[in-house]
C-alpha atoms as a PDB file:
ATOM      1  CA  MET A   1       0.135   0.121  -0.071  1.00  0.00           C
ATOM      2  CA  ASP A   2       1.319   3.301  -1.021  1.00  0.00           C
ATOM      3  CA  ASN A   3       1.738   6.118   1.608  1.00  0.00           C
ATOM      4  CA  GLU A   4      -0.710   8.873   1.534  1.00  0.00           C
ATOM      5  CA  TYR A   5       1.482  11.320   2.258  1.00  0.00           C
ATOM      6  CA  GLU A   6       4.764  12.407   0.693  1.00  0.00           C
ATOM      7  CA  LEU A   7       7.670  13.338   3.053  1.00  0.00           C
ATOM      8  CA  ARG A   8       9.648  16.390   2.309  1.00  0.00           C
ATOM      9  CA  TYR A   9      12.704  18.251   4.568  1.00  0.00           C
ATOM     10  CA  LEU A  10      13.373  22.052   4.254  1.00  0.00           C
ATOM     11  CA  PRO A  11      17.003  22.825   4.277  1.00  0.00           C
ATOM     12  CA  LEU A  12      16.735  24.931   7.669  1.00  0.00           C
ATOM     13  CA  PHE A  13      15.859  21.132   9.080  1.00  0.00           C
ATOM     14  CA  TYR A  14      19.242  19.790   8.087  1.00  0.00           C
ATOM     15  CA  GLU A  15      20.932  22.961   9.269  1.00  0.00           C
ATOM     16  CA  ASP A  16      18.802  22.974  12.997  1.00  0.00           C
ATOM     17  CA  MET A  17      19.768  19.099  12.708  1.00  0.00           C
ATOM     18  CA  TYR A  18      23.331  19.491  11.913  1.00  0.00           C
ATOM     19  CA  GLU A  19      24.114  22.092  14.550  1.00  0.00           C
ATOM     20  CA  LYS A  20      22.540  19.665  17.366  1.00  0.00           C
ATOM     21  CA  VAL A  21      24.237  16.485  16.348  1.00  0.00           C
ATOM     22  CA  THR A  22      27.750  18.317  15.803  1.00  0.00           C
ATOM     23  CA  TYR A  23      27.213  19.989  19.113  1.00  0.00           C
ATOM     24  CA  ILE A  24      26.711  16.648  20.763  1.00  0.00           C
ATOM     25  CA  ARG A  25      29.376  14.984  19.021  1.00  0.00           C
ATOM     26  CA  GLU A  26      31.921  17.560  19.222  1.00  0.00           C
ATOM     27  CA  LYS A  27      31.569  19.508  22.090  1.00  0.00           C
ATOM     28  CA  LEU A  28      29.937  17.167  24.533  1.00  0.00           C
ATOM     29  CA  LEU A  29      32.541  14.184  22.977  1.00  0.00           C
ATOM     30  CA  ASN A  30      29.758  11.718  22.587  1.00  0.00           C
ATOM     31  CA  PRO A  31      29.292  10.568  19.140  1.00  0.00           C
ATOM     32  CA  GLU A  32      27.260   7.595  19.949  1.00  0.00           C
ATOM     33  CA  ALA A  33      24.581   9.870  21.747  1.00  0.00           C
ATOM     34  CA  ALA A  34      24.617  11.611  18.350  1.00  0.00           C
ATOM     35  CA  ASP A  35      24.045   8.597  16.209  1.00  0.00           C
ATOM     36  CA  ASP A  36      21.256   7.533  18.512  1.00  0.00           C
ATOM     37  CA  LEU A  37      19.449  11.046  18.241  1.00  0.00           C
ATOM     38  CA  ILE A  38      19.618  10.949  14.501  1.00  0.00           C
ATOM     39  CA  ASP A  39      18.241   7.278  14.347  1.00  0.00           C
ATOM     40  CA  ALA A  40      15.462   8.575  16.834  1.00  0.00           C
ATOM     41  CA  VAL A  41      14.550  11.492  14.917  1.00  0.00           C
ATOM     42  CA  GLU A  42      14.235   9.476  11.593  1.00  0.00           C
ATOM     43  CA  LYS A  43      12.161   6.695  13.357  1.00  0.00           C
ATOM     44  CA  ALA A  44       9.917   9.142  14.755  1.00  0.00           C
ATOM     45  CA  ILE A  45       9.102  11.431  11.548  1.00  0.00           C
ATOM     46  CA  LEU A  46       8.588   7.640   9.595  1.00  0.00           C
ATOM     47  CA  GLU A  47       6.069   6.452  12.340  1.00  0.00           C
ATOM     48  CA  ARG A  48       4.340   9.470  12.160  1.00  0.00           C
ATOM     49  CA  LEU A  49       4.099   9.842   8.244  1.00  0.00           C
ATOM     50  CA  PRO A  50       1.308   7.524   7.706  1.00  0.00           C
ATOM     51  CA  ASN A  51      -0.952   9.779  10.479  1.00  0.00           C
ATOM     52  CA  CYS A  52       0.623  13.107  10.679  1.00  0.00           C
ATOM     53  CA  GLU A  53      -2.365  15.019  10.648  1.00  0.00           C
ATOM     54  CA  SER A  54      -4.004  12.975  13.400  1.00  0.00           C
ATOM     55  CA  PHE A  55      -2.290  14.946  16.125  1.00  0.00           C
ATOM     56  CA  GLU A  56      -3.071  18.196  17.467  1.00  0.00           C
ATOM     57  CA  PRO A  57      -1.502  21.318  16.082  1.00  0.00           C
ATOM     58  CA  TYR A  58       0.964  23.568  17.483  1.00  0.00           C
ATOM     59  CA  HIS A  59      -0.705  26.994  18.134  1.00  0.00           C
ATOM     60  CA  SER A  60       1.756  29.580  16.854  1.00  0.00           C
ATOM     61  CA  VAL A  61       1.673  33.065  17.778  1.00  0.00           C
ATOM     62  CA  LYS A  62       2.235  33.700  14.315  1.00  0.00           C
ATOM     63  CA  GLU A  63      -0.692  33.450  11.531  1.00  0.00           C
ATOM     64  CA  ARG A  64       0.114  30.557   9.212  1.00  0.00           C
ATOM     65  CA  GLU A  65      -1.511  29.049   6.103  1.00  0.00           C
ATOM     66  CA  ASN A  66      -0.491  25.415   7.252  1.00  0.00           C
ATOM     67  CA  PRO A  67      -0.409  25.028  11.131  1.00  0.00           C
ATOM     68  CA  TYR A  68       2.625  23.415  12.499  1.00  0.00           C
ATOM     69  CA  TYR A  69       2.763  19.888  14.134  1.00  0.00           C
ATOM     70  CA  ARG A  70       5.240  18.678  16.556  1.00  0.00           C
ATOM     71  CA  ILE A  71       6.962  15.337  17.162  1.00  0.00           C
ATOM     72  CA  TYR A  72       8.788  15.141  20.553  1.00  0.00           C
ATOM     73  CA  VAL A  73      12.243  12.971  20.349  1.00  0.00           C
ATOM     74  CA  LYS A  74      14.351  13.051  23.624  1.00  0.00           C
ATOM     75  CA  ASN A  75      15.137  16.644  24.595  1.00  0.00           C
ATOM     76  CA  PHE A  76      14.221  18.029  21.202  1.00  0.00           C
ATOM     77  CA  THR A  77      11.234  18.737  19.031  1.00  0.00           C
ATOM     78  CA  VAL A  78      10.594  18.409  15.117  1.00  0.00           C
ATOM     79  CA  TYR A  79       8.217  20.828  13.642  1.00  0.00           C
ATOM     80  CA  TYR A  80       6.374  19.871  10.278  1.00  0.00           C
ATOM     81  CA  VAL A  81       3.329  21.298   8.414  1.00  0.00           C
ATOM     82  CA  VAL A  82       1.165  19.099   6.078  1.00  0.00           C
ATOM     83  CA  ILE A  83       0.394  20.890   2.651  1.00  0.00           C
ATOM     84  CA  HIS A  84      -2.412  19.872   0.517  1.00  0.00           C
ATOM     85  CA  MET A  85      -1.664  20.427  -3.155  1.00  0.00           C
ATOM     86  CA  ASP A  86      -4.207  19.497  -5.679  1.00  0.00           C
ATOM     87  CA  ASP A  87      -4.176  15.652  -5.215  1.00  0.00           C
ATOM     88  CA  ARG A  88      -1.185  15.624  -3.035  1.00  0.00           C
ATOM     89  CA  LYS A  89      -0.484  15.538   0.505  1.00  0.00           C
ATOM     90  CA  ILE A  90       2.831  16.425   1.642  1.00  0.00           C
ATOM     91  CA  MET A  91       4.312  16.244   5.320  1.00  0.00           C
ATOM     92  CA  GLU A  92       7.177  19.032   5.152  1.00  0.00           C
ATOM     93  CA  VAL A  93       9.512  18.781   7.967  1.00  0.00           C
ATOM     94  CA  ARG A  94      10.536  22.212   8.681  1.00  0.00           C
ATOM     95  CA  ARG A  95      12.516  22.708  12.269  1.00  0.00           C
ATOM     96  CA  PHE A  96      14.368  20.773  14.765  1.00  0.00           C
ATOM     97  CA  LEU A  97      14.639  22.793  18.036  1.00  0.00           C
ATOM     98  CA  TYR A  98      16.287  21.856  21.299  1.00  0.00           C
ATOM     99  CA  ASN A  99      13.377  22.251  23.866  1.00  0.00           C
ATOM    100  CA  ARG A 100      14.800  24.826  25.819  1.00  0.00           C
ATOM    101  CA  GLN A 101      15.256  27.128  22.654  1.00  0.00           C
ATOM    102  CA  ASP A 102      12.558  30.121  22.585  1.00  0.00           C
ATOM    103  CA  ARG A 103      10.297  28.263  19.910  1.00  0.00           C
ATOM    104  CA  ASP A 104       7.848  31.462  19.589  1.00  0.00           C
ATOM    105  CA  ARG A 105      10.612  33.352  18.392  1.00  0.00           C
ATOM    106  CA  ILE A 106      12.080  30.993  16.160  1.00  0.00           C
ATOM    107  CA  ILE A 107       8.881  29.647  14.397  1.00  0.00           C
END
């Protein structure tokens, strides 16, 4: 059975992820934890994909065409939107933030 949703990542997500993983790997000197985080994030996103609109949207302080949704992974949060384009539905992964970051300012 084909998945109903396409999966797409913004470059900003990759930048966020790289920053966090590099910090864990190089500053905290814990490459195993960095690799585990990458695996956990990928797994959480793929598990969410089939039902990505079945969760409560994140209520942003900004007005948005497409509401954000969240996935919690360890001490981090993945933010994504679902875009409806003609007969396509796209889960677009946009940000990867540490839970103590000011998400209202960033998102």
